[in-house]
Structure formats: C-alpha cells, structure tokens
N, C-alpha and C. Protein backbone atom coordinates (compact mmCIF):
# COMPACT_ATOMS: atom_id res chain seq x y z
N MET A 1 28.10 19.94 -2.77
CA MET A 1 26.70 20.13 -2.46
C MET A 1 25.89 19.49 -3.58
N SER A 2 24.97 18.60 -3.22
CA SER A 2 24.14 17.96 -4.23
C SER A 2 22.81 18.70 -4.34
N ARG A 3 22.31 18.76 -5.54
CA ARG A 3 21.03 19.43 -5.79
C ARG A 3 19.99 18.38 -6.08
N ARG A 4 18.87 18.50 -5.42
CA ARG A 4 17.74 17.61 -5.70
C ARG A 4 16.93 18.21 -6.83
N SER A 5 16.63 17.37 -7.80
CA SER A 5 15.80 17.85 -8.89
C SER A 5 14.34 17.83 -8.46
N ALA A 6 13.57 18.66 -9.09
CA ALA A 6 12.14 18.72 -8.77
C ALA A 6 11.47 17.42 -9.20
N ALA A 7 10.51 16.99 -8.43
CA ALA A 7 9.78 15.78 -8.75
C ALA A 7 9.02 15.96 -10.06
N LYS A 8 9.07 14.96 -10.90
CA LYS A 8 8.37 15.00 -12.18
C LYS A 8 6.87 14.85 -12.00
N TYR A 9 6.47 14.02 -11.03
CA TYR A 9 5.07 13.75 -10.77
C TYR A 9 4.72 14.06 -9.32
N ALA A 10 3.66 14.80 -9.11
CA ALA A 10 3.17 15.06 -7.76
C ALA A 10 2.43 13.82 -7.27
N GLU A 11 2.30 13.69 -5.95
CA GLU A 11 1.61 12.53 -5.38
C GLU A 11 0.17 12.43 -5.90
N GLU A 12 -0.52 13.56 -5.98
CA GLU A 12 -1.91 13.56 -6.44
C GLU A 12 -1.99 13.12 -7.90
N GLU A 13 -0.99 13.48 -8.69
CA GLU A 13 -0.99 13.11 -10.10
C GLU A 13 -0.80 11.61 -10.26
N VAL A 14 0.06 11.01 -9.44
CA VAL A 14 0.27 9.56 -9.49
C VAL A 14 -1.04 8.85 -9.18
N ARG A 15 -1.74 9.31 -8.13
CA ARG A 15 -3.04 8.70 -7.77
C ARG A 15 -4.01 8.84 -8.94
N ALA A 16 -4.07 10.01 -9.56
CA ALA A 16 -4.99 10.22 -10.68
C ALA A 16 -4.64 9.33 -11.87
N LEU A 17 -3.36 9.16 -12.15
CA LEU A 17 -2.95 8.30 -13.25
C LEU A 17 -3.37 6.85 -12.99
N VAL A 18 -3.23 6.40 -11.75
CA VAL A 18 -3.64 5.04 -11.40
C VAL A 18 -5.15 4.89 -11.53
N GLU A 19 -5.87 5.82 -10.95
CA GLU A 19 -7.33 5.68 -10.87
C GLU A 19 -8.03 5.97 -12.20
N HIS A 20 -7.32 6.59 -13.14
CA HIS A 20 -7.92 6.89 -14.44
C HIS A 20 -7.11 6.28 -15.57
N TYR A 21 -6.51 5.13 -15.29
CA TYR A 21 -5.62 4.46 -16.25
C TYR A 21 -6.31 4.20 -17.59
N GLU A 22 -7.52 3.71 -17.55
CA GLU A 22 -8.24 3.41 -18.80
C GLU A 22 -8.41 4.67 -19.64
N HIS A 23 -8.62 5.78 -18.99
CA HIS A 23 -8.77 7.05 -19.71
C HIS A 23 -7.46 7.44 -20.39
N LEU A 24 -6.33 7.08 -19.81
CA LEU A 24 -5.03 7.36 -20.42
C LEU A 24 -4.92 6.70 -21.79
N LEU A 25 -5.48 5.51 -21.90
CA LEU A 25 -5.44 4.79 -23.18
C LEU A 25 -6.17 5.58 -24.26
N GLU A 26 -7.26 6.22 -23.89
CA GLU A 26 -8.01 7.04 -24.85
C GLU A 26 -7.26 8.32 -25.19
N LEU A 27 -6.66 8.95 -24.18
CA LEU A 27 -6.00 10.25 -24.38
C LEU A 27 -4.75 10.16 -25.22
N GLN A 28 -4.07 9.01 -25.21
CA GLN A 28 -2.81 8.92 -25.93
C GLN A 28 -2.99 9.08 -27.44
N GLY A 29 -4.22 8.89 -27.93
CA GLY A 29 -4.47 9.06 -29.35
C GLY A 29 -4.92 10.45 -29.73
N THR A 30 -5.01 11.36 -28.75
CA THR A 30 -5.48 12.71 -29.04
C THR A 30 -4.31 13.64 -29.36
N ARG A 31 -4.62 14.71 -30.00
CA ARG A 31 -3.60 15.71 -30.31
C ARG A 31 -3.96 16.99 -29.62
N PRO A 32 -3.07 17.85 -29.23
CA PRO A 32 -1.63 17.76 -29.42
C PRO A 32 -0.90 17.08 -28.26
N ARG A 33 -1.60 16.70 -27.20
CA ARG A 33 -0.93 16.18 -26.01
C ARG A 33 -0.85 14.66 -25.97
N GLY A 34 -1.15 13.99 -27.06
CA GLY A 34 -1.16 12.53 -27.08
C GLY A 34 0.17 11.92 -26.67
N LEU A 35 1.27 12.50 -27.15
CA LEU A 35 2.59 11.97 -26.80
C LEU A 35 2.87 12.15 -25.31
N ASP A 36 2.42 13.25 -24.76
CA ASP A 36 2.59 13.48 -23.32
C ASP A 36 1.87 12.41 -22.51
N TRP A 37 0.64 12.10 -22.89
CA TRP A 37 -0.12 11.07 -22.19
C TRP A 37 0.51 9.70 -22.37
N MET A 38 1.05 9.44 -23.57
CA MET A 38 1.73 8.17 -23.81
C MET A 38 2.95 8.03 -22.90
N ALA A 39 3.69 9.13 -22.75
CA ALA A 39 4.87 9.11 -21.88
C ALA A 39 4.48 8.89 -20.43
N ARG A 40 3.40 9.52 -19.99
CA ARG A 40 2.92 9.33 -18.61
C ARG A 40 2.52 7.88 -18.38
N ARG A 41 1.82 7.30 -19.34
CA ARG A 41 1.41 5.90 -19.21
C ARG A 41 2.62 4.98 -19.19
N ALA A 42 3.61 5.27 -20.02
CA ALA A 42 4.84 4.46 -20.04
C ALA A 42 5.57 4.56 -18.70
N ASP A 43 5.62 5.76 -18.13
CA ASP A 43 6.26 5.92 -16.81
C ASP A 43 5.51 5.13 -15.74
N LEU A 44 4.18 5.19 -15.79
CA LEU A 44 3.38 4.44 -14.82
C LEU A 44 3.57 2.94 -15.01
N ASP A 45 3.54 2.47 -16.25
CA ASP A 45 3.73 1.04 -16.52
C ASP A 45 5.08 0.56 -16.02
N ALA A 46 6.13 1.34 -16.25
CA ALA A 46 7.48 0.97 -15.80
C ALA A 46 7.54 0.89 -14.27
N ALA A 47 6.90 1.84 -13.61
CA ALA A 47 6.89 1.85 -12.14
C ALA A 47 6.08 0.68 -11.60
N LEU A 48 4.96 0.36 -12.25
CA LEU A 48 4.14 -0.77 -11.81
C LEU A 48 4.92 -2.08 -11.88
N GLU A 49 5.78 -2.22 -12.89
CA GLU A 49 6.58 -3.43 -13.03
C GLU A 49 7.57 -3.59 -11.88
N GLN A 50 7.96 -2.50 -11.25
CA GLN A 50 8.93 -2.53 -10.15
C GLN A 50 8.27 -2.60 -8.78
N LEU A 51 6.98 -2.46 -8.74
CA LEU A 51 6.25 -2.41 -7.47
C LEU A 51 6.25 -3.80 -6.81
N PRO A 52 6.55 -3.87 -5.50
CA PRO A 52 6.47 -5.15 -4.81
C PRO A 52 5.06 -5.75 -4.95
N ALA A 53 5.00 -7.08 -5.01
CA ALA A 53 3.75 -7.80 -5.30
C ALA A 53 2.61 -7.43 -4.35
N LYS A 54 2.90 -7.27 -3.05
CA LYS A 54 1.81 -6.99 -2.11
C LYS A 54 1.17 -5.62 -2.36
N TYR A 55 1.92 -4.69 -2.92
CA TYR A 55 1.34 -3.39 -3.29
C TYR A 55 0.72 -3.47 -4.67
N TRP A 56 1.40 -4.14 -5.59
CA TRP A 56 0.94 -4.23 -6.97
C TRP A 56 -0.46 -4.81 -7.04
N GLU A 57 -0.71 -5.90 -6.33
CA GLU A 57 -2.02 -6.54 -6.43
C GLU A 57 -3.13 -5.64 -5.91
N VAL A 58 -2.87 -4.84 -4.88
CA VAL A 58 -3.89 -3.93 -4.35
C VAL A 58 -4.07 -2.73 -5.30
N VAL A 59 -2.97 -2.18 -5.81
CA VAL A 59 -3.06 -1.07 -6.76
C VAL A 59 -3.79 -1.53 -8.01
N LEU A 60 -3.52 -2.74 -8.47
CA LEU A 60 -4.19 -3.28 -9.64
C LEU A 60 -5.69 -3.42 -9.41
N LEU A 61 -6.05 -4.13 -8.35
CA LEU A 61 -7.47 -4.42 -8.11
C LEU A 61 -8.27 -3.19 -7.70
N HIS A 62 -7.75 -2.44 -6.75
CA HIS A 62 -8.50 -1.30 -6.22
C HIS A 62 -8.34 -0.05 -7.09
N GLY A 63 -7.11 0.25 -7.48
CA GLY A 63 -6.86 1.48 -8.22
C GLY A 63 -7.14 1.38 -9.70
N LEU A 64 -6.53 0.40 -10.36
CA LEU A 64 -6.64 0.31 -11.82
C LEU A 64 -7.96 -0.30 -12.28
N ILE A 65 -8.39 -1.37 -11.63
CA ILE A 65 -9.63 -2.03 -12.03
C ILE A 65 -10.85 -1.37 -11.39
N GLY A 66 -10.69 -0.89 -10.17
CA GLY A 66 -11.77 -0.16 -9.52
C GLY A 66 -12.62 -0.96 -8.55
N PHE A 67 -12.13 -2.13 -8.11
CA PHE A 67 -12.86 -2.86 -7.09
C PHE A 67 -12.88 -2.06 -5.80
N SER A 68 -13.92 -2.23 -5.02
CA SER A 68 -14.01 -1.56 -3.73
C SER A 68 -12.95 -2.14 -2.79
N GLN A 69 -12.74 -1.45 -1.67
CA GLN A 69 -11.81 -1.97 -0.67
C GLN A 69 -12.30 -3.31 -0.15
N TYR A 70 -13.61 -3.42 0.05
CA TYR A 70 -14.18 -4.69 0.52
C TYR A 70 -13.91 -5.81 -0.47
N GLU A 71 -14.21 -5.57 -1.76
CA GLU A 71 -14.01 -6.59 -2.79
C GLU A 71 -12.54 -6.98 -2.91
N THR A 72 -11.68 -5.98 -2.87
CA THR A 72 -10.23 -6.24 -2.97
C THR A 72 -9.77 -7.08 -1.79
N GLY A 73 -10.20 -6.71 -0.60
CA GLY A 73 -9.83 -7.47 0.60
C GLY A 73 -10.33 -8.90 0.53
N HIS A 74 -11.56 -9.06 0.06
CA HIS A 74 -12.15 -10.40 -0.06
C HIS A 74 -11.34 -11.26 -1.05
N LEU A 75 -11.01 -10.70 -2.20
CA LEU A 75 -10.25 -11.44 -3.21
C LEU A 75 -8.85 -11.82 -2.72
N LEU A 76 -8.22 -10.92 -1.98
CA LEU A 76 -6.85 -11.16 -1.51
C LEU A 76 -6.82 -11.80 -0.12
N GLN A 77 -7.98 -11.95 0.48
CA GLN A 77 -8.11 -12.51 1.82
C GLN A 77 -7.30 -11.70 2.85
N ILE A 78 -7.50 -10.37 2.76
CA ILE A 78 -6.91 -9.45 3.74
C ILE A 78 -8.01 -8.49 4.18
N SER A 79 -7.78 -7.78 5.28
CA SER A 79 -8.79 -6.86 5.81
C SER A 79 -8.87 -5.58 4.95
N GLN A 80 -9.96 -4.86 5.12
CA GLN A 80 -10.10 -3.57 4.43
C GLN A 80 -9.03 -2.59 4.91
N ALA A 81 -8.68 -2.68 6.18
CA ALA A 81 -7.61 -1.82 6.71
C ALA A 81 -6.29 -2.12 6.01
N ALA A 82 -6.03 -3.40 5.75
CA ALA A 82 -4.81 -3.78 5.04
C ALA A 82 -4.85 -3.27 3.60
N VAL A 83 -6.03 -3.31 2.97
CA VAL A 83 -6.18 -2.78 1.61
C VAL A 83 -5.85 -1.29 1.60
N ARG A 84 -6.43 -0.53 2.55
CA ARG A 84 -6.17 0.91 2.63
C ARG A 84 -4.68 1.19 2.80
N LYS A 85 -4.07 0.46 3.71
CA LYS A 85 -2.65 0.68 4.01
C LYS A 85 -1.76 0.33 2.81
N ARG A 86 -2.01 -0.82 2.21
CA ARG A 86 -1.19 -1.23 1.07
C ARG A 86 -1.41 -0.32 -0.14
N TYR A 87 -2.64 0.15 -0.32
CA TYR A 87 -2.93 1.06 -1.44
C TYR A 87 -2.17 2.36 -1.24
N SER A 88 -2.23 2.89 -0.05
CA SER A 88 -1.52 4.13 0.26
C SER A 88 -0.01 3.94 0.10
N GLN A 89 0.52 2.86 0.64
CA GLN A 89 1.95 2.60 0.52
C GLN A 89 2.35 2.32 -0.93
N GLY A 90 1.47 1.65 -1.68
CA GLY A 90 1.74 1.40 -3.09
C GLY A 90 1.80 2.68 -3.90
N LEU A 91 0.89 3.60 -3.62
CA LEU A 91 0.92 4.89 -4.31
C LEU A 91 2.18 5.68 -3.95
N GLU A 92 2.58 5.63 -2.69
CA GLU A 92 3.82 6.29 -2.28
C GLU A 92 5.02 5.71 -3.03
N GLU A 93 5.06 4.39 -3.15
CA GLU A 93 6.16 3.73 -3.85
C GLU A 93 6.13 4.08 -5.34
N LEU A 94 4.95 4.11 -5.95
CA LEU A 94 4.84 4.52 -7.35
C LEU A 94 5.35 5.94 -7.54
N HIS A 95 4.97 6.83 -6.64
CA HIS A 95 5.43 8.21 -6.70
C HIS A 95 6.96 8.25 -6.67
N TYR A 96 7.54 7.51 -5.76
CA TYR A 96 8.99 7.44 -5.63
C TYR A 96 9.62 6.91 -6.95
N LEU A 97 9.10 5.80 -7.44
CA LEU A 97 9.65 5.18 -8.64
C LEU A 97 9.48 6.06 -9.88
N MET A 98 8.32 6.70 -10.01
CA MET A 98 8.06 7.52 -11.19
C MET A 98 8.88 8.79 -11.21
N ASN A 99 9.43 9.15 -10.07
CA ASN A 99 10.27 10.34 -9.98
C ASN A 99 11.75 9.97 -9.89
N GLY A 100 12.06 8.76 -10.33
CA GLY A 100 13.46 8.35 -10.39
C GLY A 100 14.11 8.18 -9.03
N GLY A 101 13.32 7.86 -8.02
CA GLY A 101 13.87 7.67 -6.69
C GLY A 101 14.11 8.95 -5.93
N VAL A 102 13.50 10.04 -6.40
CA VAL A 102 13.67 11.35 -5.75
C VAL A 102 12.69 11.48 -4.62
C-alpha cells in the first residue's frame, strides 16, 4: 500500500506566489521567516523552469509581470480565452511541480 504525502503547497498558495512574486523578493530579507520565503521562491523558480513554454509565457506576462489578459493575448497573438485557459493550466502545472508531482 502506497501512502500519498500531503501537498506542500495548496493551489491558492501557488497562485498567490505567482501573483505576488515581486513581494517575495522583499520578504526574503525579513526575519524570522526570511528563509521560509527564500525557500518558497526557490521552489517556484525551479517549477517555472520546468513549465512548458506555452504556459510559462502566459504565467510570466499575466501572473508575474501583471499584464492584463487583453495585453497578454495581444503580445502573444492569442485570444483572451486562450490566455485564461493557459494561465489556469499553467498554475495547475506549477502546483503539481511544486509538490513533487503529487
């Protein structure tokens, strides 16, 4: 019988880490939780490196940089519906990757 370990990151937490990435840079220098924030950022960075390009570019532009869905779609020459779908799928993939494939 195999046991599934509990997920390290909840889906909502992954979204918050993406959408507040710049704030993570500030928090990593604070005490006493600075190391915790540094570890979270490192986990996110590692997962972003593994993200397929079609998700990565949408997560980067819309989530990390903060462009609107319209702006992201315009830059990538895809519809807003495609931006929404890829962003959602990208966050799901990040959640999966940040939890070690659990």
